[in-house]
C-alpha atoms as a PDB file:
ATOM      1  CA  MET A   1       8.325 -40.924  64.203  1.00  0.00           C
ATOM      2  CA  GLY A   2      11.234 -42.643  62.468  1.00  0.00           C
ATOM      3  CA  PHE A   3      11.605 -44.517  59.208  1.00  0.00           C
ATOM      4  CA  LEU A   4       8.416 -45.175  57.287  1.00  0.00           C
ATOM      5  CA  ARG A   5       8.065 -48.236  55.103  1.00  0.00           C
ATOM      6  CA  ARG A   6       4.721 -49.096  53.599  1.00  0.00           C
ATOM      7  CA  PRO A   7       3.440 -51.594  51.030  1.00  0.00           C
ATOM      8  CA  TYR A   8       4.451 -50.648  47.521  1.00  0.00           C
ATOM      9  CA  ALA A   9       0.923 -49.815  46.431  1.00  0.00           C
ATOM     10  CA  LEU A  10       1.612 -47.696  43.365  1.00  0.00           C
ATOM     11  CA  ARG A  11       1.569 -49.481  40.050  1.00  0.00           C
ATOM     12  CA  GLU A  12       5.042 -49.551  38.563  1.00  0.00           C
ATOM     13  CA  ALA A  13       3.917 -50.415  35.040  1.00  0.00           C
ATOM     14  CA  VAL A  14       2.187 -47.063  34.437  1.00  0.00           C
ATOM     15  CA  ALA A  15       4.138 -43.813  34.625  1.00  0.00           C
ATOM     16  CA  MET A  16       2.419 -41.000  36.464  1.00  0.00           C
ATOM     17  CA  THR A  17       1.892 -37.535  35.044  1.00  0.00           C
ATOM     18  CA  VAL A  18       3.328 -34.556  36.937  1.00  0.00           C
ATOM     19  CA  ASP A  19      -0.076 -33.829  38.480  1.00  0.00           C
ATOM     20  CA  GLU A  20      -0.616 -37.468  39.464  1.00  0.00           C
ATOM     21  CA  ALA A  21       2.823 -37.607  41.060  1.00  0.00           C
ATOM     22  CA  TRP A  22       2.132 -34.423  43.027  1.00  0.00           C
ATOM     23  CA  ASP A  23      -1.222 -35.874  44.136  1.00  0.00           C
ATOM     24  CA  HIS A  24       0.554 -38.908  45.606  1.00  0.00           C
ATOM     25  CA  ILE A  25       3.341 -36.797  47.133  1.00  0.00           C
ATOM     26  CA  GLU A  26       0.881 -34.419  48.780  1.00  0.00           C
ATOM     27  CA  ASP A  27      -1.279 -37.269  50.099  1.00  0.00           C
ATOM     28  CA  TRP A  28       1.762 -38.970  51.643  1.00  0.00           C
ATOM     29  CA  LEU A  29       3.119 -35.784  53.199  1.00  0.00           C
ATOM     30  CA  ARG A  30      -0.277 -34.821  54.575  1.00  0.00           C
ATOM     31  CA  ALA A  31      -0.622 -38.210  56.285  1.00  0.00           C
ATOM     32  CA  ASN A  32       2.980 -38.753  57.383  1.00  0.00           C
ATOM     33  CA  ALA A  33       4.959 -35.473  57.422  1.00  0.00           C
ATOM     34  CA  PRO A  34       2.425 -32.733  58.166  1.00  0.00           C
ATOM     35  CA  ALA A  35       5.019 -30.038  58.920  1.00  0.00           C
ATOM     36  CA  THR A  36       6.633 -30.526  55.518  1.00  0.00           C
ATOM     37  CA  HIS A  37       3.225 -30.641  53.837  1.00  0.00           C
ATOM     38  CA  ALA A  38       2.227 -27.365  55.493  1.00  0.00           C
ATOM     39  CA  GLU A  39       5.245 -25.616  53.987  1.00  0.00           C
ATOM     40  CA  LEU A  40       4.668 -26.628  50.372  1.00  0.00           C
ATOM     41  CA  PRO A  41       4.572 -23.360  48.387  1.00  0.00           C
ATOM     42  CA  PRO A  42       1.411 -22.211  46.619  1.00  0.00           C
ATOM     43  CA  PRO A  43       1.156 -22.450  42.826  1.00  0.00           C
ATOM     44  CA  ALA A  44       2.988 -20.039  40.570  1.00  0.00           C
ATOM     45  CA  GLY A  45       0.597 -17.906  38.550  1.00  0.00           C
ATOM     46  CA  ALA A  46       0.548 -18.063  34.770  1.00  0.00           C
ATOM     47  CA  ASP A  47       1.943 -14.500  34.634  1.00  0.00           C
ATOM     48  CA  GLU A  48       4.824 -15.484  36.949  1.00  0.00           C
ATOM     49  CA  ILE A  49       5.706 -18.472  34.780  1.00  0.00           C
ATOM     50  CA  ARG A  50       5.602 -16.391  31.585  1.00  0.00           C
ATOM     51  CA  ALA A  51       7.734 -13.679  33.197  1.00  0.00           C
ATOM     52  CA  ALA A  52      10.339 -16.264  34.241  1.00  0.00           C
ATOM     53  CA  GLN A  53      10.491 -17.685  30.723  1.00  0.00           C
ATOM     54  CA  ASP A  54      10.882 -14.191  29.264  1.00  0.00           C
ATOM     55  CA  ALA A  55      13.617 -13.372  31.789  1.00  0.00           C
ATOM     56  CA  ILE A  56      15.801 -16.286  30.706  1.00  0.00           C
ATOM     57  CA  GLY A  57      14.726 -16.216  27.051  1.00  0.00           C
ATOM     58  CA  CYS A  58      13.782 -19.882  27.048  1.00  0.00           C
ATOM     59  CA  ALA A  59      10.398 -21.625  27.082  1.00  0.00           C
ATOM     60  CA  PHE A  60       9.924 -24.093  29.925  1.00  0.00           C
ATOM     61  CA  PRO A  61       9.211 -27.749  29.163  1.00  0.00           C
ATOM     62  CA  PRO A  62       5.508 -28.575  29.715  1.00  0.00           C
ATOM     63  CA  GLU A  63       6.358 -30.742  32.745  1.00  0.00           C
ATOM     64  CA  LEU A  64       8.141 -27.857  34.475  1.00  0.00           C
ATOM     65  CA  THR A  65       5.209 -25.538  33.763  1.00  0.00           C
ATOM     66  CA  ALA A  66       2.827 -28.162  35.164  1.00  0.00           C
ATOM     67  CA  SER A  67       4.931 -28.590  38.317  1.00  0.00           C
ATOM     68  CA  LEU A  68       5.210 -24.844  38.920  1.00  0.00           C
ATOM     69  CA  ALA A  69       1.448 -24.575  38.483  1.00  0.00           C
ATOM     70  CA  ARG A  70       1.130 -26.976  41.440  1.00  0.00           C
ATOM     71  CA  HIS A  71       3.892 -25.546  43.630  1.00  0.00           C
ATOM     72  CA  ASP A  72       6.253 -22.643  42.995  1.00  0.00           C
ATOM     73  CA  GLY A  73       9.223 -24.706  44.154  1.00  0.00           C
ATOM     74  CA  SER A  74       9.175 -27.336  46.880  1.00  0.00           C
ATOM     75  CA  GLY A  75       9.788 -25.233  50.002  1.00  0.00           C
ATOM     76  CA  ALA A  76      10.689 -27.433  52.978  1.00  0.00           C
ATOM     77  CA  PHE A  77      10.064 -30.587  50.949  1.00  0.00           C
ATOM     78  CA  VAL A  78      13.373 -32.251  50.084  1.00  0.00           C
ATOM     79  CA  LEU A  79      13.182 -34.509  47.067  1.00  0.00           C
ATOM     80  CA  PRO A  80      15.406 -37.553  47.448  1.00  0.00           C
ATOM     81  CA  PRO A  81      18.051 -37.538  48.415  1.00  0.00           C
ATOM     82  CA  LEU A  82      18.908 -33.857  48.990  1.00  0.00           C
ATOM     83  CA  HIS A  83      17.327 -31.479  46.484  1.00  0.00           C
ATOM     84  CA  ARG A  84      14.709 -28.752  46.733  1.00  0.00           C
ATOM     85  CA  LEU A  85      12.921 -27.590  43.595  1.00  0.00           C
ATOM     86  CA  HIS A  86      13.363 -23.940  42.602  1.00  0.00           C
ATOM     87  CA  GLY A  87      10.467 -21.541  42.305  1.00  0.00           C
ATOM     88  CA  THR A  88      10.176 -19.140  39.365  1.00  0.00           C
ATOM     89  CA  ARG A  89      12.227 -16.355  40.962  1.00  0.00           C
ATOM     90  CA  LEU A  90      15.089 -18.650  41.915  1.00  0.00           C
ATOM     91  CA  ILE A  91      15.107 -20.255  38.452  1.00  0.00           C
ATOM     92  CA  VAL A  92      15.703 -16.803  36.970  1.00  0.00           C
ATOM     93  CA  ALA A  93      18.287 -15.753  39.562  1.00  0.00           C
ATOM     94  CA  GLU A  94      20.258 -19.004  39.262  1.00  0.00           C
ATOM     95  CA  TYR A  95      20.125 -18.968  35.464  1.00  0.00           C
ATOM     96  CA  HIS A  96      21.654 -15.496  35.252  1.00  0.00           C
ATOM     97  CA  ALA A  97      24.249 -16.321  37.924  1.00  0.00           C
ATOM     98  CA  TYR A  98      25.341 -19.410  35.971  1.00  0.00           C
ATOM     99  CA  ARG A  99      25.444 -17.483  32.708  1.00  0.00           C
ATOM    100  CA  ARG A 100      27.616 -14.758  34.250  1.00  0.00           C
ATOM    101  CA  ALA A 101      29.990 -17.368  35.649  1.00  0.00           C
ATOM    102  CA  ASP A 102      30.268 -19.103  32.276  1.00  0.00           C
ATOM    103  CA  GLN A 103      30.845 -15.862  30.404  1.00  0.00           C
ATOM    104  CA  ALA A 104      33.646 -14.955  32.817  1.00  0.00           C
ATOM    105  CA  ARG A 105      35.626 -18.125  32.091  1.00  0.00           C
ATOM    106  CA  SER A 106      38.736 -17.994  29.939  1.00  0.00           C
ATOM    107  CA  PRO A 107      38.579 -19.382  26.379  1.00  0.00           C
ATOM    108  CA  GLU A 108      40.765 -22.308  27.440  1.00  0.00           C
ATOM    109  CA  GLU A 109      38.332 -23.468  30.107  1.00  0.00           C
ATOM    110  CA  PRO A 110      35.540 -25.915  29.259  1.00  0.00           C
ATOM    111  CA  THR A 111      31.969 -24.683  29.020  1.00  0.00           C
ATOM    112  CA  TRP A 112      30.602 -24.396  32.542  1.00  0.00           C
ATOM    113  CA  TRP A 113      26.941 -23.731  31.703  1.00  0.00           C
ATOM    114  CA  ASP A 114      24.801 -24.118  28.584  1.00  0.00           C
ATOM    115  CA  ALA A 115      22.285 -21.374  27.820  1.00  0.00           C
ATOM    116  CA  ARG A 116      19.714 -24.096  27.074  1.00  0.00           C
ATOM    117  CA  TRP A 117      19.866 -25.548  30.593  1.00  0.00           C
ATOM    118  CA  ILE A 118      17.160 -24.489  33.053  1.00  0.00           C
ATOM    119  CA  PRO A 119      18.068 -24.505  36.779  1.00  0.00           C
ATOM    120  CA  LEU A 120      15.754 -26.936  38.564  1.00  0.00           C
ATOM    121  CA  ALA A 121      16.898 -27.652  42.136  1.00  0.00           C
ATOM    122  CA  ASP A 122      19.811 -27.435  44.569  1.00  0.00           C
ATOM    123  CA  ASP A 123      21.107 -29.386  47.556  1.00  0.00           C
ATOM    124  CA  GLY A 124      21.985 -26.386  49.738  1.00  0.00           C
ATOM    125  CA  CYS A 125      25.702 -27.151  49.364  1.00  0.00           C
ATOM    126  CA  GLY A 126      26.425 -25.623  45.960  1.00  0.00           C
ATOM    127  CA  ASN A 127      25.434 -28.563  43.769  1.00  0.00           C
ATOM    128  CA  SER A 128      22.343 -28.398  41.606  1.00  0.00           C
ATOM    129  CA  LEU A 129      20.090 -30.063  39.072  1.00  0.00           C
ATOM    130  CA  PHE A 130      19.009 -28.628  35.737  1.00  0.00           C
ATOM    131  CA  LEU A 131      16.651 -29.485  32.890  1.00  0.00           C
ATOM    132  CA  SER A 132      18.344 -29.724  29.509  1.00  0.00           C
ATOM    133  CA  GLN A 133      16.723 -28.258  26.403  1.00  0.00           C
ATOM    134  CA  THR A 134      19.782 -28.978  24.272  1.00  0.00           C
ATOM    135  CA  PRO A 135      18.795 -30.896  21.110  1.00  0.00           C
ATOM    136  CA  GLY A 136      19.973 -34.499  21.114  1.00  0.00           C
ATOM    137  CA  PRO A 137      20.078 -37.342  23.633  1.00  0.00           C
ATOM    138  CA  SER A 138      20.078 -35.036  26.656  1.00  0.00           C
ATOM    139  CA  SER A 139      16.949 -33.121  25.645  1.00  0.00           C
ATOM    140  CA  GLY A 140      14.396 -33.208  28.450  1.00  0.00           C
ATOM    141  CA  ARG A 141      16.758 -34.973  30.857  1.00  0.00           C
ATOM    142  CA  ILE A 142      17.748 -33.839  34.330  1.00  0.00           C
ATOM    143  CA  GLY A 143      21.457 -33.148  34.637  1.00  0.00           C
ATOM    144  CA  ASP A 144      23.746 -32.735  37.646  1.00  0.00           C
ATOM    145  CA  HIS A 145      25.795 -29.566  38.004  1.00  0.00           C
ATOM    146  CA  ALA A 146      28.678 -29.787  40.469  1.00  0.00           C
ATOM    147  CA  LYS A 147      29.729 -26.598  42.253  1.00  0.00           C
ATOM    148  CA  ASP A 148      33.328 -27.085  41.141  1.00  0.00           C
ATOM    149  CA  GLY A 149      32.635 -28.361  37.635  1.00  0.00           C
ATOM    150  CA  GLY A 150      30.199 -28.516  34.762  1.00  0.00           C
ATOM    151  CA  GLY A 151      27.114 -30.516  33.966  1.00  0.00           C
ATOM    152  CA  SER A 152      26.781 -34.258  33.550  1.00  0.00           C
ATOM    153  CA  PHE A 153      24.004 -36.758  32.916  1.00  0.00           C
ATOM    154  CA  SER A 154      23.378 -40.127  34.505  1.00  0.00           C
ATOM    155  CA  GLU A 155      21.541 -43.069  32.999  1.00  0.00           C
ATOM    156  CA  ASP A 156      19.297 -43.308  36.051  1.00  0.00           C
ATOM    157  CA  GLY A 157      15.672 -43.645  34.967  1.00  0.00           C
ATOM    158  CA  ALA A 158      14.600 -41.057  37.538  1.00  0.00           C
ATOM    159  CA  SER A 159      16.692 -38.493  35.640  1.00  0.00           C
ATOM    160  CA  ALA A 160      14.940 -39.078  32.311  1.00  0.00           C
ATOM    161  CA  SER A 161      12.627 -36.102  32.879  1.00  0.00           C
ATOM    162  CA  LEU A 162      11.069 -34.013  35.616  1.00  0.00           C
ATOM    163  CA  GLY A 163       7.984 -36.206  35.391  1.00  0.00           C
ATOM    164  CA  ALA A 164      10.100 -39.307  35.951  1.00  0.00           C
ATOM    165  CA  PHE A 165      11.813 -37.669  38.939  1.00  0.00           C
ATOM    166  CA  LEU A 166       8.516 -36.730  40.592  1.00  0.00           C
ATOM    167  CA  ASP A 167       7.133 -40.184  39.763  1.00  0.00           C
ATOM    168  CA  SER A 168      10.116 -41.889  41.408  1.00  0.00           C
ATOM    169  CA  THR A 169       9.790 -39.583  44.421  1.00  0.00           C
ATOM    170  CA  ALA A 170       6.123 -40.477  44.883  1.00  0.00           C
ATOM    171  CA  ARG A 171       6.917 -44.191  44.623  1.00  0.00           C
ATOM    172  CA  GLY A 172       9.870 -43.844  46.978  1.00  0.00           C
ATOM    173  CA  LEU A 173       7.708 -42.174  49.603  1.00  0.00           C
ATOM    174  CA  GLN A 174       5.084 -44.888  49.280  1.00  0.00           C
ATOM    175  CA  ALA A 175       7.691 -47.647  49.564  1.00  0.00           C
ATOM    176  CA  GLY A 176       9.773 -45.881  52.215  1.00  0.00           C
ATOM    177  CA  LEU A 177      12.880 -46.318  50.089  1.00  0.00           C
ATOM    178  CA  TRP A 178      14.414 -44.356  47.201  1.00  0.00           C
ATOM    179  CA  GLY A 179      17.644 -45.840  45.880  1.00  0.00           C
ATOM    180  CA  ALA A 180      19.951 -46.109  48.885  1.00  0.00           C
ATOM    181  CA  TYR A 181      17.892 -43.738  51.044  1.00  0.00           C
ATOM    182  CA  GLU A 182      14.987 -44.251  53.424  1.00  0.00           C
ATOM    183  CA  SER A 183      12.311 -41.703  54.245  1.00  0.00           C
ATOM    184  CA  TYR A 184      12.452 -40.491  57.828  1.00  0.00           C
ATOM    185  CA  VAL A 185      10.050 -38.146  59.635  1.00  0.00           C
ATOM    186  CA  ASP A 186      11.363 -36.383  62.723  1.00  0.00           C
ATOM    187  CA  GLU A 187       9.379 -35.627  65.870  1.00  0.00           C
ATOM    188  CA  ASP A 188       8.331 -32.248  64.469  1.00  0.00           C
ATOM    189  CA  GLY A 189       6.766 -33.804  61.383  1.00  0.00           C
ATOM    190  CA  PHE A 190       9.473 -32.877  58.877  1.00  0.00           C
ATOM    191  CA  LEU A 191      10.586 -35.344  56.207  1.00  0.00           C
ATOM    192  CA  GLU A 192      14.274 -36.200  55.792  1.00  0.00           C
ATOM    193  CA  TRP A 193      16.106 -38.809  53.729  1.00  0.00           C
ATOM    194  CA  ARG A 194      18.703 -41.036  55.416  1.00  0.00           C
ATOM    195  CA  GLU A 195      20.914 -43.902  54.496  1.00  0.00           C
ATOM    196  CA  PRO A 196      19.668 -47.129  56.136  1.00  0.00           C
ATOM    197  CA  ASP A 197      20.890 -47.501  59.713  1.00  0.00           C
ATOM    198  CA  ALA A 198      22.508 -44.069  59.624  1.00  0.00           C
ATOM    199  CA  ASP A 199      22.455 -42.139  62.886  1.00  0.00           C
ATOM    200  CA  THR A 200      22.550 -38.739  61.208  1.00  0.00           C
ATOM    201  CA  VAL A 201      20.870 -36.984  58.328  1.00  0.00           C
ATOM    202  CA  VAL A 202      22.530 -37.627  54.938  1.00  0.00           C
ATOM    203  CA  ALA A 203      24.075 -34.127  54.839  1.00  0.00           C
ATOM    204  CA  TRP A 204      23.784 -30.829  56.659  1.00  0.00           C
ATOM    205  CA  ASP A 205      21.613 -28.336  54.782  1.00  0.00           C
ATOM    206  CA  MET A 206      22.445 -24.982  56.351  1.00  0.00           C
ATOM    207  CA  ARG A 207      19.619 -23.167  54.569  1.00  0.00           C
ATOM    208  CA  GLU A 208      17.116 -25.547  56.155  1.00  0.00           C
ATOM    209  CA  MET A 209      18.824 -25.325  59.562  1.00  0.00           C
ATOM    210  CA  ASN A 210      18.594 -21.528  59.445  1.00  0.00           C
ATOM    211  CA  ARG A 211      14.942 -21.658  58.375  1.00  0.00           C
ATOM    212  CA  ARG A 212      13.848 -24.096  61.054  1.00  0.00           C
ATOM    213  CA  TYR A 213      15.882 -22.827  63.994  1.00  0.00           C
ATOM    214  CA  GLY A 214      16.232 -19.116  63.261  1.00  0.00           C
ATOM    215  CA  PHE A 215      19.990 -18.963  62.912  1.00  0.00           C
ATOM    216  CA  GLY A 216      21.540 -16.197  60.877  1.00  0.00           C
END
């Protein structure tokens, strides 16, 4: 099917809500990447969301609750350029794994994880995104967590909040371009993100390879 570029029909002046962004994302996937659309997870129930919040001892931001109420993670859908959203169970599992790793560090080492960060997504290669609930400038922002380091924040507008990230994803799908990456749908109807004129996918995601081809 190849790269998909379409007229930039979404209005840039008005930010979308989480539900509006998901509406646009689902519509695009249904029309252009049906295999990816078919594997979007069902909603998380209210009890599942409450249980996840209780398990990490931290209330979720309203935008995260709204997104989980649409889809409990993103399944086969890769948000640009490489990340899949966590469902409630993986949020809890990742949170406790990060906390254990931080508590095991020596006093001389810098803080590796903040208890007020909520795991949001991962790239299948050990790097992840989180939502910060730390008071101050980072509150509500999406941060990057490197597998060999701590968290950091970019000034990218798409990282301002989960709503902004989903909004930028919806617009990127509609335009066929998100930052330096183009949307690409393979012959099986799965969405990928590639650098323009690249002959290969941006990076190997072994979890996705195992899921699609039955390895491991």
